[in-house]
N, C-alpha and C. Protein backbone atom coordinates (compact mmCIF):
# COMPACT_ATOMS: atom_id res chain seq x y z
N MET A 1 31.16 26.14 -23.34
CA MET A 1 30.26 25.70 -21.99
C MET A 1 31.47 24.81 -21.48
N HIS A 2 31.00 24.73 -20.45
CA HIS A 2 31.84 24.38 -19.31
C HIS A 2 31.48 22.91 -18.50
N ALA A 3 32.35 21.66 -18.63
CA ALA A 3 32.22 20.39 -18.18
C ALA A 3 31.18 20.18 -16.82
N ALA A 4 30.68 19.40 -16.71
CA ALA A 4 29.95 19.36 -15.25
C ALA A 4 30.62 18.56 -13.72
N THR A 5 30.72 19.71 -12.95
CA THR A 5 31.30 19.48 -11.67
C THR A 5 30.89 18.01 -11.00
N PRO A 6 32.27 17.25 -10.04
CA PRO A 6 32.62 16.15 -10.61
C PRO A 6 30.85 15.72 -9.67
N ARG A 7 30.40 16.98 -8.35
CA ARG A 7 29.34 16.62 -7.26
C ARG A 7 28.36 16.90 -8.37
N HIS A 8 27.75 17.51 -9.49
CA HIS A 8 26.79 17.90 -10.02
C HIS A 8 26.86 17.06 -10.97
N ARG A 9 27.45 15.87 -11.19
CA ARG A 9 27.64 14.93 -12.48
C ARG A 9 26.72 13.87 -11.04
N THR A 10 26.56 13.48 -9.97
CA THR A 10 26.94 12.79 -9.15
C THR A 10 25.39 12.61 -8.62
N HIS A 11 25.41 14.14 -8.89
CA HIS A 11 23.50 14.34 -8.40
C HIS A 11 22.66 14.33 -9.20
N GLU A 12 22.88 14.73 -11.44
CA GLU A 12 22.80 13.63 -12.06
C GLU A 12 22.30 12.59 -12.27
N ILE A 13 23.54 11.59 -11.29
CA ILE A 13 23.26 9.80 -11.63
C ILE A 13 21.95 9.81 -10.44
N GLN A 14 22.30 10.34 -9.64
CA GLN A 14 21.02 9.78 -8.24
C GLN A 14 19.60 9.78 -8.89
N ASP A 15 19.31 10.87 -9.45
CA ASP A 15 18.35 11.65 -9.79
C ASP A 15 17.63 10.69 -10.95
N MET A 16 18.93 10.10 -11.81
CA MET A 16 18.60 9.28 -12.56
C MET A 16 18.03 7.66 -12.08
N PHE A 17 18.51 7.18 -11.21
CA PHE A 17 18.71 5.93 -11.04
C PHE A 17 17.23 6.32 -9.64
N ALA A 18 16.90 7.05 -9.15
CA ALA A 18 16.02 7.56 -7.98
C ALA A 18 14.69 7.46 -8.48
N PRO A 19 13.58 7.06 -7.82
CA PRO A 19 12.80 6.41 -8.59
C PRO A 19 11.66 7.57 -9.19
N GLN A 20 11.33 7.21 -10.57
CA GLN A 20 10.36 7.98 -11.08
C GLN A 20 8.91 7.89 -11.42
N ARG A 21 8.46 9.71 -11.10
CA ARG A 21 6.79 9.98 -11.22
C ARG A 21 6.02 8.88 -12.53
N THR A 22 4.79 8.48 -12.35
CA THR A 22 4.70 8.02 -13.87
C THR A 22 2.78 8.55 -13.93
N ARG A 23 3.08 9.09 -14.67
CA ARG A 23 1.33 10.02 -14.95
C ARG A 23 0.78 9.05 -15.18
N SER A 24 -0.69 9.35 -14.36
CA SER A 24 -1.64 8.85 -14.73
C SER A 24 -2.28 7.66 -16.11
N GLU A 25 -2.13 8.76 -17.12
CA GLU A 25 -1.98 7.90 -18.29
C GLU A 25 -1.70 7.01 -18.62
N GLN A 26 -0.17 6.63 -18.09
CA GLN A 26 0.71 5.58 -18.72
C GLN A 26 0.55 4.27 -17.26
N LEU A 27 -0.22 4.40 -15.95
CA LEU A 27 -0.46 3.42 -15.32
C LEU A 27 -1.57 2.37 -15.42
N PRO A 28 -1.58 1.78 -15.17
CA PRO A 28 -3.41 0.50 -15.29
C PRO A 28 -4.15 1.26 -14.26
N ASN A 29 -5.60 0.54 -14.51
CA ASN A 29 -6.71 0.81 -13.94
C ASN A 29 -6.42 0.49 -12.01
N PRO A 30 -6.77 1.53 -11.52
CA PRO A 30 -6.05 1.18 -10.58
C PRO A 30 -6.48 0.21 -8.97
N THR A 31 -8.18 0.04 -9.62
CA THR A 31 -9.09 -0.04 -8.90
C THR A 31 -8.84 -1.64 -8.24
N PRO A 32 -8.37 -2.71 -9.08
CA PRO A 32 -8.37 -3.71 -8.47
C PRO A 32 -6.98 -4.30 -7.69
N LEU A 33 -6.27 -2.70 -7.72
CA LEU A 33 -4.62 -3.20 -6.78
C LEU A 33 -5.60 -2.51 -5.55
N VAL A 34 -6.49 -1.30 -5.61
CA VAL A 34 -7.07 -1.27 -3.88
C VAL A 34 -7.59 -2.53 -3.73
N ALA A 35 -8.18 -2.98 -4.21
CA ALA A 35 -8.94 -4.11 -3.83
C ALA A 35 -7.61 -5.83 -3.41
N THR A 36 -7.22 -5.99 -3.90
CA THR A 36 -6.19 -6.47 -3.11
C THR A 36 -5.39 -5.67 -1.98
N LEU A 37 -5.17 -5.29 -1.61
CA LEU A 37 -4.01 -3.83 -1.06
C LEU A 37 -5.04 -4.36 0.62
N ALA A 38 -6.70 -3.69 0.50
CA ALA A 38 -7.68 -3.95 1.05
C ALA A 38 -7.33 -5.49 1.51
N GLY A 39 -7.59 -6.70 0.88
CA GLY A 39 -7.98 -7.96 1.21
C GLY A 39 -6.22 -8.17 1.92
N GLY A 40 -5.24 -7.76 1.39
CA GLY A 40 -4.11 -8.51 1.93
C GLY A 40 -3.54 -8.04 2.97
N ALA A 41 -3.90 -6.20 3.06
CA ALA A 41 -3.95 -5.55 4.66
C ALA A 41 -4.98 -6.24 5.54
N LEU A 42 -6.02 -6.90 5.69
CA LEU A 42 -6.96 -7.30 6.46
C LEU A 42 -6.01 -9.38 6.57
N GLU A 43 -5.84 -9.73 5.96
CA GLU A 43 -4.85 -11.00 5.67
C GLU A 43 -3.90 -11.23 7.03
N VAL A 44 -2.58 -9.68 6.84
CA VAL A 44 -1.85 -9.68 7.88
C VAL A 44 -2.21 -9.75 8.27
N ILE A 45 -3.14 -8.54 8.95
CA ILE A 45 -3.28 -8.71 10.22
C ILE A 45 -4.33 -9.67 10.75
N ALA A 46 -4.82 -10.22 10.05
CA ALA A 46 -5.48 -11.62 10.65
C ALA A 46 -4.47 -12.76 11.02
N GLY A 47 -3.32 -12.48 9.83
CA GLY A 47 -1.77 -13.74 10.59
C GLY A 47 -1.55 -14.40 9.78
N VAL A 48 -2.53 -14.98 8.79
CA VAL A 48 -2.64 -15.67 7.20
C VAL A 48 -1.86 -14.65 6.31
N ARG A 49 -0.99 -13.90 5.92
CA ARG A 49 -0.30 -13.63 5.00
C ARG A 49 0.80 -13.19 5.52
N GLU A 50 1.84 -13.01 5.05
CA GLU A 50 3.18 -11.85 4.81
C GLU A 50 3.16 -10.87 4.32
N VAL A 51 3.37 -10.03 5.56
CA VAL A 51 3.23 -8.73 4.92
C VAL A 51 4.29 -8.43 3.80
N ASP A 52 5.18 -9.04 3.77
CA ASP A 52 6.18 -9.39 2.44
C ASP A 52 5.48 -9.40 1.63
N GLN A 53 4.74 -9.83 1.87
CA GLN A 53 3.56 -10.72 0.08
C GLN A 53 3.24 -8.82 -0.73
N LEU A 54 3.26 -8.21 0.35
CA LEU A 54 2.18 -6.88 -0.08
C LEU A 54 3.56 -6.04 -0.05
N ALA A 55 4.77 -6.49 0.13
CA ALA A 55 5.62 -5.14 -0.06
C ALA A 55 5.91 -4.32 -1.44
N ARG A 56 5.99 -5.67 -2.51
CA ARG A 56 6.48 -4.25 -3.81
C ARG A 56 5.25 -3.43 -4.60
N TRP A 57 3.82 -3.55 -3.46
CA TRP A 57 3.19 -2.30 -3.49
C TRP A 57 2.85 -1.02 -2.38
N LEU A 58 3.67 -0.92 -1.98
CA LEU A 58 3.67 -0.65 -0.48
C LEU A 58 5.36 0.37 -0.16
N ALA A 59 5.28 0.97 0.11
CA ALA A 59 6.18 2.37 0.12
C ALA A 59 6.73 2.24 1.67
N GLU A 60 7.81 3.02 1.70
CA GLU A 60 8.64 1.92 3.68
C GLU A 60 7.17 2.49 4.25
N GLU A 61 6.59 3.75 4.42
CA GLU A 61 5.95 4.28 6.20
C GLU A 61 4.56 3.05 6.14
N PRO A 62 4.00 2.78 4.86
CA PRO A 62 3.20 1.68 5.20
C PRO A 62 3.11 0.45 5.49
N TYR A 63 4.29 -0.08 4.47
CA TYR A 63 4.83 -1.09 5.09
C TYR A 63 5.18 -1.20 6.95
N ASN A 64 5.51 -0.09 7.12
CA ASN A 64 6.31 -0.35 8.80
C ASN A 64 5.22 -0.62 9.71
N THR A 65 4.36 0.28 9.08
CA THR A 65 3.10 0.94 9.89
C THR A 65 1.94 -1.02 10.04
N LEU A 66 2.10 -1.09 8.52
CA LEU A 66 1.65 -3.04 8.43
C LEU A 66 1.95 -3.74 9.51
N VAL A 67 3.37 -3.77 9.69
CA VAL A 67 4.29 -4.76 10.55
C VAL A 67 4.03 -4.62 11.14
N VAL A 68 3.77 -3.22 12.21
CA VAL A 68 3.77 -2.61 13.67
C VAL A 68 2.21 -3.64 14.12
N ARG A 69 1.19 -3.32 13.18
CA ARG A 69 -0.33 -3.44 13.36
C ARG A 69 -0.23 -5.50 13.17
N ALA A 70 0.08 -5.72 12.65
CA ALA A 70 0.15 -7.35 12.41
C ALA A 70 0.70 -7.92 14.22
N ASN A 71 2.15 -7.23 14.08
CA ASN A 71 2.49 -7.77 15.54
C ASN A 71 1.86 -7.59 16.14
N LEU A 72 1.16 -6.72 16.48
CA LEU A 72 0.32 -6.31 17.75
C LEU A 72 -0.95 -7.39 18.03
N ALA A 73 -0.79 -7.35 16.60
CA ALA A 73 -3.14 -8.61 16.63
C ALA A 73 -2.35 -9.91 16.92
N ALA A 74 -0.98 -10.27 16.28
CA ALA A 74 -0.75 -11.65 16.89
C ALA A 74 -0.46 -11.76 18.23
N ARG A 75 -0.10 -10.59 18.81
CA ARG A 75 0.39 -10.67 20.72
C ARG A 75 -1.36 -10.98 21.41
N ALA A 76 -1.80 -10.39 20.44
CA ALA A 76 -3.42 -10.38 21.17
C ALA A 76 -3.57 -11.59 20.96
N ARG A 77 -3.79 -12.16 19.66
CA ARG A 77 -4.33 -13.44 19.61
C ARG A 77 -3.26 -14.33 20.51
N SER A 78 -2.25 -14.36 20.43
CA SER A 78 -1.14 -15.83 21.41
C SER A 78 -2.16 -14.83 22.88
N ALA A 79 -1.94 -13.93 23.46
CA ALA A 79 -2.69 -13.77 24.89
C ALA A 79 -3.85 -14.10 24.98
N ARG A 80 -5.03 -14.95 24.34
CA ARG A 80 -6.13 -15.43 24.33
C ARG A 80 -6.11 -17.02 23.46
N SER A 81 -4.84 -17.48 23.17
CA SER A 81 -4.87 -18.02 23.02
C SER A 81 -5.37 -18.95 21.53
N GLN A 82 -5.66 -17.98 21.09
CA GLN A 82 -5.85 -18.40 19.35
C GLN A 82 -5.33 -18.02 18.34
N THR A 83 -5.59 -18.80 17.81
CA THR A 83 -4.85 -19.35 16.18
C THR A 83 -4.94 -18.20 14.92
N ALA A 84 -4.37 -18.00 14.17
CA ALA A 84 -4.72 -17.02 12.68
C ALA A 84 -5.48 -18.12 11.89
N ARG A 85 -6.31 -17.46 11.57
CA ARG A 85 -7.91 -18.13 10.79
C ARG A 85 -7.67 -16.51 9.74
N GLN A 86 -8.29 -17.70 8.89
CA GLN A 86 -8.03 -17.08 7.20
C GLN A 86 -9.32 -15.66 7.90
N PRO A 87 -9.47 -14.70 7.43
CA PRO A 87 -10.81 -13.53 7.63
C PRO A 87 -11.73 -13.51 6.62
N VAL A 88 -12.78 -13.39 6.82
CA VAL A 88 -13.83 -13.30 6.16
C VAL A 88 -14.74 -12.00 6.09
N TYR A 89 -14.37 -12.14 4.52
CA TYR A 89 -15.03 -10.29 4.25
C TYR A 89 -15.37 -10.66 2.87
N HIS A 90 -16.26 -9.62 2.41
CA HIS A 90 -16.82 -9.46 1.43
C HIS A 90 -16.14 -7.82 1.15
N LEU A 91 -16.11 -7.23 -0.22
CA LEU A 91 -15.85 -6.26 -0.50
C LEU A 91 -16.68 -5.37 -1.20
N ARG A 92 -17.09 -4.29 -0.41
CA ARG A 92 -18.56 -3.90 -0.98
C ARG A 92 -18.16 -3.28 -1.97
N ARG A 93 -17.15 -1.65 -2.07
CA ARG A 93 -17.10 -0.66 -3.20
C ARG A 93 -16.26 -0.23 -2.31
N ILE A 94 -15.53 -0.19 -3.54
CA ILE A 94 -14.39 0.64 -3.83
C ILE A 94 -14.09 2.09 -4.52
N LEU A 95 -14.37 3.06 -4.21
CA LEU A 95 -14.28 4.13 -4.11
C LEU A 95 -13.09 4.89 -4.60
N CYS A 96 -12.73 5.91 -5.40
CA CYS A 96 -11.90 6.38 -6.43
C CYS A 96 -11.69 7.86 -6.62
N ALA A 97 -10.64 8.24 -6.31
CA ALA A 97 -10.14 9.93 -6.52
C ALA A 97 -9.02 9.80 -6.73
N SER A 98 -8.85 11.22 -8.44
CA SER A 98 -7.55 11.57 -8.41
C SER A 98 -7.52 13.17 -8.14
N PRO A 99 -6.98 13.28 -6.90
CA PRO A 99 -6.23 14.58 -6.34
C PRO A 99 -5.23 15.57 -7.58
N ALA A 100 -4.68 14.71 -8.34
CA ALA A 100 -3.13 14.88 -9.52
C ALA A 100 -3.10 13.93 -9.96
N ASP A 101 -2.37 14.03 -10.77
CA ASP A 101 -1.56 13.48 -12.24
C ASP A 101 -0.77 12.34 -11.05
N GLY A 102 -1.40 11.26 -11.82
CA GLY A 102 -0.37 10.08 -10.86
C GLY A 102 -0.59 9.78 -9.14
N VAL A 103 -1.85 10.42 -9.33
CA VAL A 103 -2.30 10.02 -7.70
C VAL A 103 -3.87 9.87 -7.63
N VAL A 104 -4.20 8.78 -6.48
CA VAL A 104 -4.92 8.62 -6.57
C VAL A 104 -5.66 8.11 -4.84
N GLU A 105 -6.51 8.55 -4.78
CA GLU A 105 -7.17 8.39 -3.14
C GLU A 105 -7.82 7.57 -3.32
N ALA A 106 -7.92 6.66 -2.68
CA ALA A 106 -8.94 5.24 -2.76
C ALA A 106 -9.26 4.45 -1.24
N THR A 107 -10.40 4.64 -0.91
CA THR A 107 -11.34 3.63 0.56
C THR A 107 -12.45 2.35 -0.37
N ALA A 108 -11.72 1.40 0.51
CA ALA A 108 -12.50 0.49 -0.21
C ALA A 108 -13.24 -0.37 1.48
N ILE A 109 -14.43 -0.20 0.51
CA ILE A 109 -15.48 -0.75 2.18
C ILE A 109 -15.45 -2.43 1.86
N VAL A 110 -15.21 -2.24 3.47
CA VAL A 110 -14.93 -4.16 3.71
C VAL A 110 -15.95 -4.11 4.76
N ALA A 111 -16.67 -5.53 4.57
CA ALA A 111 -17.71 -5.87 5.82
C ALA A 111 -17.45 -7.05 5.91
N THR A 112 -17.12 -7.53 7.32
CA THR A 112 -16.58 -8.53 7.99
C THR A 112 -17.99 -9.16 8.95
N PRO A 113 -18.06 -10.26 9.31
CA PRO A 113 -18.73 -10.71 10.18
C PRO A 113 -19.71 -9.73 11.24
N ALA A 114 -18.69 -9.46 11.75
CA ALA A 114 -18.33 -8.30 13.81
C ALA A 114 -18.46 -7.16 13.11
N ARG A 115 -17.86 -6.73 12.26
CA ARG A 115 -18.91 -5.07 11.45
C ARG A 115 -17.93 -4.54 10.30
N THR A 116 -18.27 -3.36 9.34
CA THR A 116 -17.38 -2.94 8.25
C THR A 116 -16.48 -1.91 8.64
N ARG A 117 -15.62 -2.64 7.76
CA ARG A 117 -14.86 -1.48 7.97
C ARG A 117 -14.59 -0.54 6.51
N ALA A 118 -13.48 0.37 6.75
CA ALA A 118 -12.60 1.45 5.32
C ALA A 118 -11.52 1.09 5.29
N VAL A 119 -10.84 0.57 4.18
CA VAL A 119 -9.72 0.92 4.26
C VAL A 119 -9.24 1.48 3.23
N ALA A 120 -8.24 2.86 3.88
CA ALA A 120 -8.23 3.93 3.03
C ALA A 120 -6.87 3.76 2.80
N MET A 121 -6.17 4.67 1.27
CA MET A 121 -4.78 4.28 0.53
C MET A 121 -4.59 5.84 -0.05
N ARG A 122 -3.82 6.12 -0.38
CA ARG A 122 -3.16 6.67 -1.61
C ARG A 122 -1.68 6.23 -2.05
N LEU A 123 -2.45 6.09 -3.18
CA LEU A 123 -1.63 5.57 -4.82
C LEU A 123 -0.82 6.30 -5.46
N GLU A 124 0.38 6.74 -5.41
CA GLU A 124 1.32 7.48 -6.50
C GLU A 124 1.91 6.59 -7.55
N GLY A 125 1.93 7.20 -9.24
CA GLY A 125 2.31 6.28 -9.75
C GLY A 125 4.12 6.81 -9.73
N VAL A 126 5.12 5.83 -9.30
CA VAL A 126 6.38 5.46 -9.34
C VAL A 126 7.37 4.27 -10.40
N ASP A 127 7.67 4.53 -11.10
CA ASP A 127 8.41 3.89 -11.92
C ASP A 127 7.29 2.50 -12.42
N GLY A 128 6.74 3.02 -13.37
CA GLY A 128 5.68 2.89 -14.21
C GLY A 128 4.45 1.95 -13.38
N ARG A 129 4.33 2.02 -12.47
CA ARG A 129 3.57 1.19 -11.84
C ARG A 129 2.83 2.03 -10.17
N TRP A 130 1.42 1.32 -9.83
CA TRP A 130 0.98 2.32 -8.49
C TRP A 130 1.80 1.79 -7.20
N ARG A 131 1.89 2.90 -6.57
CA ARG A 131 3.11 2.09 -5.07
C ARG A 131 1.86 3.08 -3.77
N ALA A 132 1.52 1.63 -2.66
CA ALA A 132 0.64 3.57 -2.09
C ALA A 132 1.91 3.21 -0.75
N ALA A 133 1.35 5.11 -0.92
CA ALA A 133 2.21 5.60 -0.18
C ALA A 133 2.05 5.83 1.33
N SER A 134 0.51 5.65 1.38
CA SER A 134 -0.26 5.21 2.99
C SER A 134 -1.23 3.86 2.90
N LEU A 135 -1.28 3.84 3.95
CA LEU A 135 -2.76 2.15 4.29
C LEU A 135 -3.50 3.24 5.42
N ALA A 136 -4.00 2.66 5.72
CA ALA A 136 -4.88 2.52 6.97
C ALA A 136 -5.81 2.26 6.73
N ILE A 137 -6.13 0.68 8.35
CA ILE A 137 -7.78 0.44 8.28
C ILE A 137 -8.36 1.00 9.56
N LEU A 138 -9.84 1.55 8.53
CA LEU A 138 -10.02 2.07 9.90
C LEU A 138 -11.27 1.20 10.61
């Protein structure tokens, strides 16, 4: 048996510290997180919550998308001379499906006074917890 090359060893070390996939059986029930993320995303867009408060549960892409959407909503409020207000909403239903081990695709149906919306997300088990790989407010 021969010693590993420095390059091979570097890859092993990088893999060791890279995000690790987590099996579904090692993760908590995703429903409370789906509810938290749905309400939190609505509050971010309404301007009453900082997106950083949701950062630990969001991968980079949904985080950046939520930042852009919040900034656009803030500009729209500013153009209409409106202040940020706590959104009034009622969580009607949460639907979850698991297409693969360590993956949950979920939709939260949220009723607001103006309309009913769906918040869709894909959660993936990473480093022993759920993390949103995608998030969309429809």
